[in-house]
C-alpha atoms as a PDB file:
ATOM      1  CA  MET A   1       0.000   0.000   0.000  1.00  0.00           C
ATOM      2  CA  ALA A   2       2.972   2.324   0.410  1.00  0.00           C
ATOM      3  CA  ILE A   3       3.268   2.220  -3.389  1.00  0.00           C
ATOM      4  CA  PHE A   4      -0.270   3.619  -3.674  1.00  0.00           C
ATOM      5  CA  GLY A   5       0.641   6.328  -1.176  1.00  0.00           C
ATOM      6  CA  ALA A   6       3.657   7.416  -3.203  1.00  0.00           C
ATOM      7  CA  LEU A   7       1.775   7.252  -6.494  1.00  0.00           C
ATOM      8  CA  THR A   8      -1.080   9.276  -5.017  1.00  0.00           C
ATOM      9  CA  ILE A   9       1.294  12.135  -4.250  1.00  0.00           C
ATOM     10  CA  MET A  10       2.620  12.154  -7.818  1.00  0.00           C
ATOM     11  CA  VAL A  11      -0.853  12.027  -9.353  1.00  0.00           C
ATOM     12  CA  PHE A  12      -2.018  14.708  -6.914  1.00  0.00           C
ATOM     13  CA  TYR A  13       0.767  17.007  -8.122  1.00  0.00           C
ATOM     14  CA  VAL A  14      -0.258  16.494 -11.765  1.00  0.00           C
ATOM     15  CA  PHE A  15      -3.896  17.091 -10.817  1.00  0.00           C
ATOM     16  CA  LEU A  16      -3.019  20.347  -9.062  1.00  0.00           C
ATOM     17  CA  ARG A  17      -1.094  21.523 -12.136  1.00  0.00           C
ATOM     18  CA  ILE A  18      -4.456  21.855 -13.902  1.00  0.00           C
ATOM     19  CA  PHE A  19      -5.372  24.675 -11.528  1.00  0.00           C
ATOM     20  CA  PHE A  20      -2.124  26.122 -10.143  1.00  0.00           C
ATOM     21  CA  ASP A  21       1.439  26.972 -11.122  1.00  0.00           C
ATOM     22  CA  LYS A  22       4.377  24.612 -10.553  1.00  0.00           C
ATOM     23  CA  LEU A  23       5.445  26.042  -7.202  1.00  0.00           C
ATOM     24  CA  SER A  24       1.967  26.054  -5.662  1.00  0.00           C
ATOM     25  CA  SER A  25       1.320  22.537  -6.910  1.00  0.00           C
ATOM     26  CA  PHE A  26       4.646  21.321  -5.564  1.00  0.00           C
ATOM     27  CA  LEU A  27       4.067  22.888  -2.146  1.00  0.00           C
ATOM     28  CA  ALA A  28       0.564  21.439  -1.904  1.00  0.00           C
ATOM     29  CA  ALA A  29       1.809  17.977  -2.909  1.00  0.00           C
ATOM     30  CA  LEU A  30       4.656  18.316  -0.404  1.00  0.00           C
ATOM     31  CA  ALA A  31       2.211  19.254   2.361  1.00  0.00           C
ATOM     32  CA  PHE A  32       0.051  16.281   1.396  1.00  0.00           C
ATOM     33  CA  SER A  33       3.058  13.951   1.446  1.00  0.00           C
ATOM     34  CA  LEU A  34       4.043  15.149   4.921  1.00  0.00           C
ATOM     35  CA  SER A  35       0.530  14.712   6.290  1.00  0.00           C
ATOM     36  CA  LEU A  36       0.681  12.366   9.262  1.00  0.00           C
ATOM     37  CA  MET A  37      -2.560  10.646   8.245  1.00  0.00           C
ATOM     38  CA  HIS A  38      -1.276   9.979   4.730  1.00  0.00           C
ATOM     39  CA  ILE A  39       2.022   8.617   6.030  1.00  0.00           C
ATOM     40  CA  HIS A  40       0.285   6.472   8.654  1.00  0.00           C
ATOM     41  CA  TYR A  41      -2.341   5.031   6.308  1.00  0.00           C
ATOM     42  CA  SER A  42       0.092   4.270   3.511  1.00  0.00           C
ATOM     43  CA  ARG A  43       2.723   2.714   5.794  1.00  0.00           C
ATOM     44  CA  THR A  44       0.252   0.505   7.690  1.00  0.00           C
ATOM     45  CA  GLY A  45      -1.523  -0.623   4.532  1.00  0.00           C
ATOM     46  CA  PHE A  46      -5.006   0.804   4.991  1.00  0.00           C
ATOM     47  CA  LEU A  47      -7.245   0.280   1.968  1.00  0.00           C
ATOM     48  CA  SER A  48      -8.294   3.925   2.010  1.00  0.00           C
ATOM     49  CA  ILE A  49      -4.921   4.829   0.483  1.00  0.00           C
ATOM     50  CA  SER A  50      -5.704   2.855  -2.664  1.00  0.00           C
ATOM     51  CA  ALA A  51      -9.145   4.501  -2.772  1.00  0.00           C
ATOM     52  CA  SER A  52      -7.611   7.969  -2.592  1.00  0.00           C
ATOM     53  CA  PHE A  53      -5.233   7.015  -5.419  1.00  0.00           C
ATOM     54  CA  PHE A  54      -8.139   5.996  -7.652  1.00  0.00           C
ATOM     55  CA  GLN A  55     -10.126   9.090  -6.674  1.00  0.00           C
ATOM     56  CA  VAL A  56      -7.348  11.507  -7.561  1.00  0.00           C
ATOM     57  CA  LEU A  57      -6.537   9.608 -10.762  1.00  0.00           C
ATOM     58  CA  SER A  58     -10.207   9.596 -11.784  1.00  0.00           C
ATOM     59  CA  LEU A  59     -10.535  13.314 -11.080  1.00  0.00           C
ATOM     60  CA  LEU A  60      -7.351  13.997 -13.030  1.00  0.00           C
ATOM     61  CA  PHE A  61      -8.736  12.373 -16.180  1.00  0.00           C
ATOM     62  CA  ILE A  62     -12.208  13.864 -15.741  1.00  0.00           C
ATOM     63  CA  PHE A  63     -10.779  17.370 -15.425  1.00  0.00           C
ATOM     64  CA  TYR A  64      -8.492  16.685 -18.402  1.00  0.00           C
ATOM     65  CA  ALA A  65     -11.623  15.742 -20.367  1.00  0.00           C
ATOM     66  CA  ARG A  66     -13.206  19.050 -19.352  1.00  0.00           C
ATOM     67  CA  LYS A  67     -10.102  21.023 -20.241  1.00  0.00           C
ATOM     68  CA  TYR A  68      -9.006  19.336 -23.487  1.00  0.00           C
ATOM     69  CA  LYS A  69     -12.448  18.143 -24.707  1.00  0.00           C
ATOM     70  CA  LYS A  70     -11.247  14.605 -25.458  1.00  0.00           C
ATOM     71  CA  ILE A  71     -13.390  11.534 -24.933  1.00  0.00           C
ATOM     72  CA  THR A  72     -10.296   9.385 -24.288  1.00  0.00           C
ATOM     73  CA  TYR A  73      -9.794  11.132 -20.963  1.00  0.00           C
ATOM     74  CA  ILE A  74     -13.363  10.495 -19.812  1.00  0.00           C
ATOM     75  CA  ILE A  75     -12.942   6.810 -20.701  1.00  0.00           C
ATOM     76  CA  PHE A  76      -9.825   6.599 -18.518  1.00  0.00           C
ATOM     77  CA  GLY A  77     -11.642   8.498 -15.769  1.00  0.00           C
ATOM     78  CA  ALA A  78     -14.464   5.964 -15.887  1.00  0.00           C
ATOM     79  CA  ILE A  79     -12.051   3.026 -15.912  1.00  0.00           C
ATOM     80  CA  PHE A  80     -10.228   4.271 -12.822  1.00  0.00           C
ATOM     81  CA  THR A  81     -13.504   5.093 -11.079  1.00  0.00           C
ATOM     82  CA  GLY A  82     -14.658   1.546 -11.815  1.00  0.00           C
ATOM     83  CA  LEU A  83     -11.404   0.069 -10.548  1.00  0.00           C
ATOM     84  CA  GLY A  84     -11.667   2.216  -7.431  1.00  0.00           C
ATOM     85  CA  MET A  85     -14.917   0.446  -6.585  1.00  0.00           C
ATOM     86  CA  TYR A  86     -12.855  -2.676  -5.913  1.00  0.00           C
ATOM     87  CA  SER A  87     -10.456  -0.876  -3.578  1.00  0.00           C
ATOM     88  CA  TYR A  88     -12.447   0.240  -0.544  1.00  0.00           C
ATOM     89  CA  THR A  89     -16.107  -0.205   0.429  1.00  0.00           C
ATOM     90  CA  PRO A  90     -16.929   3.499   1.095  1.00  0.00           C
ATOM     91  CA  PHE A  91     -15.704   4.307  -2.436  1.00  0.00           C
ATOM     92  CA  ILE A  92     -19.282   3.551  -3.489  1.00  0.00           C
ATOM     93  CA  ILE A  93     -20.084   7.192  -2.637  1.00  0.00           C
ATOM     94  CA  PHE A  94     -17.590   8.582  -5.172  1.00  0.00           C
ATOM     95  CA  PRO A  95     -19.150   7.556  -8.546  1.00  0.00           C
ATOM     96  CA  PRO A  96     -22.530   9.255  -7.905  1.00  0.00           C
ATOM     97  CA  THR A  97     -20.604  12.405  -7.001  1.00  0.00           C
ATOM     98  CA  ILE A  98     -18.755  12.291 -10.330  1.00  0.00           C
ATOM     99  CA  ILE A  99     -21.987  11.648 -12.213  1.00  0.00           C
ATOM    100  CA  LEU A 100     -23.525  14.670 -10.454  1.00  0.00           C
ATOM    101  CA  LEU A 101     -20.489  16.749 -11.490  1.00  0.00           C
ATOM    102  CA  LEU A 102     -20.963  15.654 -15.106  1.00  0.00           C
ATOM    103  CA  ILE A 103     -24.695  16.496 -14.954  1.00  0.00           C
ATOM    104  CA  ILE A 104     -23.862  19.951 -13.592  1.00  0.00           C
ATOM    105  CA  ASP A 105     -21.436  20.357 -16.511  1.00  0.00           C
ATOM    106  CA  ILE A 106     -24.316  19.634 -18.891  1.00  0.00           C
ATOM    107  CA  PHE A 107     -26.416  22.398 -17.353  1.00  0.00           C
ATOM    108  CA  ILE A 108     -23.542  24.892 -17.154  1.00  0.00           C
ATOM    109  CA  ASN A 109     -22.638  24.356 -20.811  1.00  0.00           C
ATOM    110  CA  LYS A 110     -26.280  24.574 -21.950  1.00  0.00           C
ATOM    111  CA  PHE A 111     -26.733  20.944 -22.946  1.00  0.00           C
ATOM    112  CA  SER A 112     -23.738  20.708 -25.261  1.00  0.00           C
ATOM    113  CA  HIS A 113     -23.510  17.474 -27.199  1.00  0.00           C
ATOM    114  CA  PHE A 114     -19.991  16.849 -25.933  1.00  0.00           C
ATOM    115  CA  ASP A 115     -21.062  17.004 -22.271  1.00  0.00           C
ATOM    116  CA  ILE A 116     -24.044  14.702 -22.824  1.00  0.00           C
ATOM    117  CA  LYS A 117     -21.806  12.280 -24.711  1.00  0.00           C
ATOM    118  CA  LYS A 118     -19.218  12.542 -21.919  1.00  0.00           C
ATOM    119  CA  LEU A 119     -21.815  11.601 -19.283  1.00  0.00           C
ATOM    120  CA  LEU A 120     -23.169   8.661 -21.271  1.00  0.00           C
ATOM    121  CA  ILE A 121     -19.708   7.283 -22.043  1.00  0.00           C
ATOM    122  CA  PHE A 122     -18.655   7.659 -18.414  1.00  0.00           C
ATOM    123  CA  VAL A 123     -21.721   5.781 -17.140  1.00  0.00           C
ATOM    124  CA  VAL A 124     -21.423   2.974 -19.719  1.00  0.00           C
ATOM    125  CA  VAL A 125     -17.683   2.403 -19.170  1.00  0.00           C
ATOM    126  CA  PHE A 126     -18.026   2.685 -15.390  1.00  0.00           C
ATOM    127  CA  ILE A 127     -20.841   0.110 -15.329  1.00  0.00           C
ATOM    128  CA  ALA A 128     -18.903  -2.198 -17.669  1.00  0.00           C
ATOM    129  CA  ILE A 129     -15.883  -2.139 -15.342  1.00  0.00           C
ATOM    130  CA  SER A 130     -18.001  -2.460 -12.193  1.00  0.00           C
ATOM    131  CA  ILE A 131     -20.486  -5.167 -13.292  1.00  0.00           C
ATOM    132  CA  PRO A 132     -19.013  -8.006 -11.186  1.00  0.00           C
ATOM    133  CA  LEU A 133     -18.942  -5.859  -8.052  1.00  0.00           C
ATOM    134  CA  LEU A 134     -22.337  -4.248  -8.738  1.00  0.00           C
ATOM    135  CA  ASN A 135     -23.735  -7.770  -9.061  1.00  0.00           C
ATOM    136  CA  VAL A 136     -22.506  -8.560  -5.532  1.00  0.00           C
ATOM    137  CA  ILE A 137     -23.763  -5.231  -4.165  1.00  0.00           C
ATOM    138  CA  ILE A 138     -27.253  -5.761  -5.610  1.00  0.00           C
ATOM    139  CA  LEU A 139     -27.642  -9.497  -4.990  1.00  0.00           C
ATOM    140  CA  GLN A 140     -25.778  -9.795  -1.676  1.00  0.00           C
ATOM    141  CA  PRO A 141     -25.813  -6.378   0.025  1.00  0.00           C
ATOM    142  CA  ASN A 142     -25.333  -7.860   3.499  1.00  0.00           C
ATOM    143  CA  PHE A 143     -22.133  -9.561   2.380  1.00  0.00           C
ATOM    144  CA  TYR A 144     -20.743  -6.449   0.681  1.00  0.00           C
ATOM    145  CA  PHE A 145     -21.596  -3.928   3.372  1.00  0.00           C
ATOM    146  CA  SER A 146     -20.472  -6.169   6.238  1.00  0.00           C
ATOM    147  CA  HIS A 147     -16.860  -5.501   5.148  1.00  0.00           C
ATOM    148  CA  SER A 148     -16.948  -1.737   5.652  1.00  0.00           C
END
């Protein structure tokens, strides 16, 4: 899990570069890397570290899709959101939040075809990646939620 902790810091830096300059992004990533909770969770192997890696990676690609208007990025965002579902039980809250973000994008951009397409592709790819786990969640909710 320490690998996920280290990778999360690198991905977090790249994510911050979307919004900030190099120095601000570096300082924020440095502060995140020196966070006692992040160090503790990654060193002891908590599953939440892998979930945070998939969250930041998903957000990175989703914001790249917003910035560069490329469907490839939304596909990768959906793939990593789907893979994140397998990492940590409370991650189940994250995908609806992303879908809500994409719906808000549709309204902000006045129902542009790209944003509608982006939402549909995200949902289809996410469901395709998550089908085995969604099957367990729907058919055996007591089993799935007893592990949280």
